[in-house]
């Protein structure tokens, strides 16, 4: 079992974040632009723990020494069932430097977009605080990537277009 899977299944946000590289890039299923950096990715992962209900990994693809892994999951968000996959890429040190999430069906993706948009302010605040802790207060907003969160907040409206 990949350590990220174990951390998620244990709902251990800190263990999840500890597995991330500082320069991790998170690609969301409901936002156009990726989110670079550990602070914003950690804040998003904590929000996902809050919005996903009945989360369960159902399959893991990738060998123990592989640098690429796929973790297939099911969950419920806002009463909508969804299927998804976490695609992980590990750097030379075994840290996650790319995390891409895909979900289906569209109704589940829309429910996820709405739920994450409702978490927008908290995600932004946590990301800025985490970046400040990691780098000092100067430039924390940029380091957190919080300015890119507008895409996620607009995702429900964009999905309706």
Protein backbone atom coordinates (compact mmCIF):
# COMPACT_ATOMS: atom_id res chain seq x y z
CA UNK A 1 0.00 0.00 0.00
CA UNK A 2 1.37 3.42 -0.96
CA UNK A 3 1.95 5.68 2.08
CA UNK A 4 -0.31 8.39 0.56
CA UNK A 5 -3.15 5.89 0.35
CA UNK A 6 -2.63 4.92 3.98
CA UNK A 7 -2.56 8.57 5.08
CA UNK A 8 -5.79 9.32 3.19
CA UNK A 9 -7.55 6.21 4.49
CA UNK A 10 -6.45 7.14 8.02
CA UNK A 11 -7.72 10.71 7.38
CA UNK A 12 -4.30 11.91 8.55
CA UNK A 13 -3.90 15.29 6.86
CA UNK A 14 -0.43 15.89 8.31
CA UNK A 15 0.86 12.55 7.05
CA UNK A 16 -0.54 13.38 3.60
CA UNK A 17 1.18 16.77 3.60
CA UNK A 18 4.47 15.30 4.85
CA UNK A 19 4.58 13.15 1.69
CA UNK A 20 4.46 16.23 -0.58
CA UNK A 21 7.54 17.80 -2.17
CA UNK A 22 7.92 21.54 -1.56
CA UNK A 23 7.46 22.13 -5.30
CA UNK A 24 4.46 19.79 -5.71
CA UNK A 25 1.95 20.73 -8.39
CA UNK A 26 -1.70 19.89 -7.75
CA UNK A 27 -3.99 19.60 -10.76
CA UNK A 28 -7.65 19.78 -9.77
CA UNK A 29 -10.52 18.11 -11.59
CA UNK A 30 -12.57 21.31 -11.28
CA UNK A 31 -10.10 24.15 -11.90
CA UNK A 32 -8.33 25.11 -15.10
CA UNK A 33 -4.94 26.11 -13.68
CA UNK A 34 -2.76 23.81 -11.58
CA UNK A 35 -1.82 24.87 -8.05
CA UNK A 36 1.94 24.94 -7.42
CA UNK A 37 3.36 24.49 -3.95
CA UNK A 38 3.04 22.48 -0.79
CA UNK A 39 1.07 25.10 1.17
CA UNK A 40 -1.84 25.39 -1.27
CA UNK A 41 -1.85 21.65 -2.01
CA UNK A 42 -1.96 20.86 1.71
CA UNK A 43 -4.85 23.28 2.25
CA UNK A 44 -6.76 21.72 -0.66
CA UNK A 45 -6.17 18.20 0.69
CA UNK A 46 -7.51 19.21 4.11
CA UNK A 47 -10.62 20.63 2.41
CA UNK A 48 -11.08 17.41 0.44
CA UNK A 49 -11.10 15.48 3.72
CA UNK A 50 -13.91 17.76 4.87
CA UNK A 51 -16.09 17.48 1.74
CA UNK A 52 -15.69 13.83 0.68
CA UNK A 53 -18.11 11.42 2.34
CA UNK A 54 -17.87 7.64 2.18
CA UNK A 55 -14.42 7.88 0.63
CA UNK A 56 -12.79 4.59 -0.28
CA UNK A 57 -9.86 3.56 -2.44
CA UNK A 58 -10.85 0.57 -4.55
CA UNK A 59 -7.67 -0.06 -6.55
CA UNK A 60 -4.00 0.84 -6.50
CA UNK A 61 -1.89 0.74 -9.64
CA UNK A 62 1.90 0.95 -9.51
CA UNK A 63 4.66 -1.16 -8.02
CA UNK A 64 6.33 -0.44 -4.68
CA UNK A 65 9.41 1.04 -6.35
CA UNK A 66 7.55 2.85 -9.15
CA UNK A 67 7.61 6.62 -9.40
CA UNK A 68 4.08 6.73 -10.83
CA UNK A 69 0.98 5.52 -9.02
CA UNK A 70 -2.76 5.61 -9.66
CA UNK A 71 -5.19 5.32 -6.76
CA UNK A 72 -8.77 4.70 -7.87
CA UNK A 73 -11.48 5.81 -5.44
CA UNK A 74 -15.20 6.24 -4.86
CA UNK A 75 -16.84 8.91 -2.73
CA UNK A 76 -19.98 10.93 -2.21
CA UNK A 77 -20.10 14.73 -2.29
CA UNK A 78 -23.30 16.65 -1.70
CA UNK A 79 -25.35 13.50 -2.18
CA UNK A 80 -23.73 12.73 -5.54
CA UNK A 81 -21.66 9.59 -6.00
CA UNK A 82 -18.44 9.88 -7.89
CA UNK A 83 -15.53 7.80 -9.06
CA UNK A 84 -12.06 9.22 -9.31
CA UNK A 85 -8.39 8.63 -9.52
CA UNK A 86 -5.41 10.23 -7.80
CA UNK A 87 -2.38 10.16 -10.08
CA UNK A 88 0.87 10.53 -8.13
CA UNK A 89 4.37 11.14 -9.45
CA UNK A 90 7.28 10.87 -7.05
CA UNK A 91 10.51 12.84 -7.25
CA UNK A 92 13.98 11.36 -6.72
CA UNK A 93 13.50 11.60 -2.94
CA UNK A 94 10.20 9.71 -3.01
CA UNK A 95 8.12 12.83 -2.34
CA UNK A 96 4.98 13.55 -4.38
CA UNK A 97 5.86 16.28 -6.89
CA UNK A 98 2.75 15.89 -9.06
CA UNK A 99 -0.76 15.12 -7.86
CA UNK A 100 -3.49 15.06 -10.49
CA UNK A 101 -7.07 14.19 -9.60
CA UNK A 102 -9.78 13.21 -12.07
CA UNK A 103 -13.42 12.50 -11.24
CA UNK A 104 -16.58 11.39 -13.01
CA UNK A 105 -19.48 11.65 -13.72
CA UNK A 106 -20.17 15.30 -14.49
CA UNK A 107 -22.81 15.52 -11.75
CA UNK A 108 -20.22 14.35 -9.21
CA UNK A 109 -17.62 16.79 -10.54
CA UNK A 110 -20.16 19.62 -10.28
CA UNK A 111 -20.99 18.65 -6.69
CA UNK A 112 -17.27 18.57 -5.89
CA UNK A 113 -16.75 21.97 -7.51
CA UNK A 114 -19.59 23.47 -5.47
CA UNK A 115 -18.36 21.93 -2.22
CA UNK A 116 -14.78 23.09 -2.80
CA UNK A 117 -15.98 26.59 -3.75
CA UNK A 118 -17.74 26.74 -0.38
CA UNK A 119 -14.34 25.98 1.22
CA UNK A 120 -12.59 28.76 -0.78
CA UNK A 121 -12.00 31.24 2.04
CA UNK A 122 -10.77 28.59 4.46
CA UNK A 123 -8.45 27.03 1.85
CA UNK A 124 -6.96 30.43 1.02
CA UNK A 125 -6.45 31.33 4.69
CA UNK A 126 -4.85 27.97 5.50
CA UNK A 127 -2.56 28.16 2.47
CA UNK A 128 -1.36 31.64 3.37
CA UNK A 129 -0.79 30.60 7.00
CA UNK A 130 1.08 27.44 5.96
CA UNK A 131 3.25 29.40 3.51
CA UNK A 132 3.99 32.01 6.17
CA UNK A 133 5.05 29.27 8.58
CA UNK A 134 7.29 27.72 5.93
CA UNK A 135 8.81 30.85 4.37
CA UNK A 136 8.15 33.74 6.73
CA UNK A 137 5.31 36.23 6.30
CA UNK A 138 6.83 38.08 3.34
CA UNK A 139 5.42 36.78 0.09
CA UNK A 140 3.24 34.18 1.77
CA UNK A 141 0.26 34.84 -0.49
CA UNK A 142 2.30 34.19 -3.62
CA UNK A 143 4.03 31.18 -2.08
CA UNK A 144 0.66 29.70 -1.17
CA UNK A 145 -0.73 30.08 -4.67
CA UNK A 146 -3.92 31.40 -3.09
CA UNK A 147 -4.44 33.86 -5.91
CA UNK A 148 -5.11 30.92 -8.24
CA UNK A 149 -8.01 29.76 -6.09
CA UNK A 150 -10.37 32.04 -8.02
CA UNK A 151 -10.57 29.35 -10.70
CA UNK A 152 -11.94 26.84 -8.20
CA UNK A 153 -14.41 29.35 -6.80
CA UNK A 154 -15.71 30.01 -10.31
CA UNK A 155 -15.84 26.30 -11.24
CA UNK A 156 -19.53 25.74 -10.39
CA UNK A 157 -20.57 28.68 -12.57
CA UNK A 158 -18.27 27.53 -15.37
CA UNK A 159 -19.66 23.99 -15.20
CA UNK A 160 -23.17 25.35 -15.72
CA UNK A 161 -22.16 27.21 -18.89
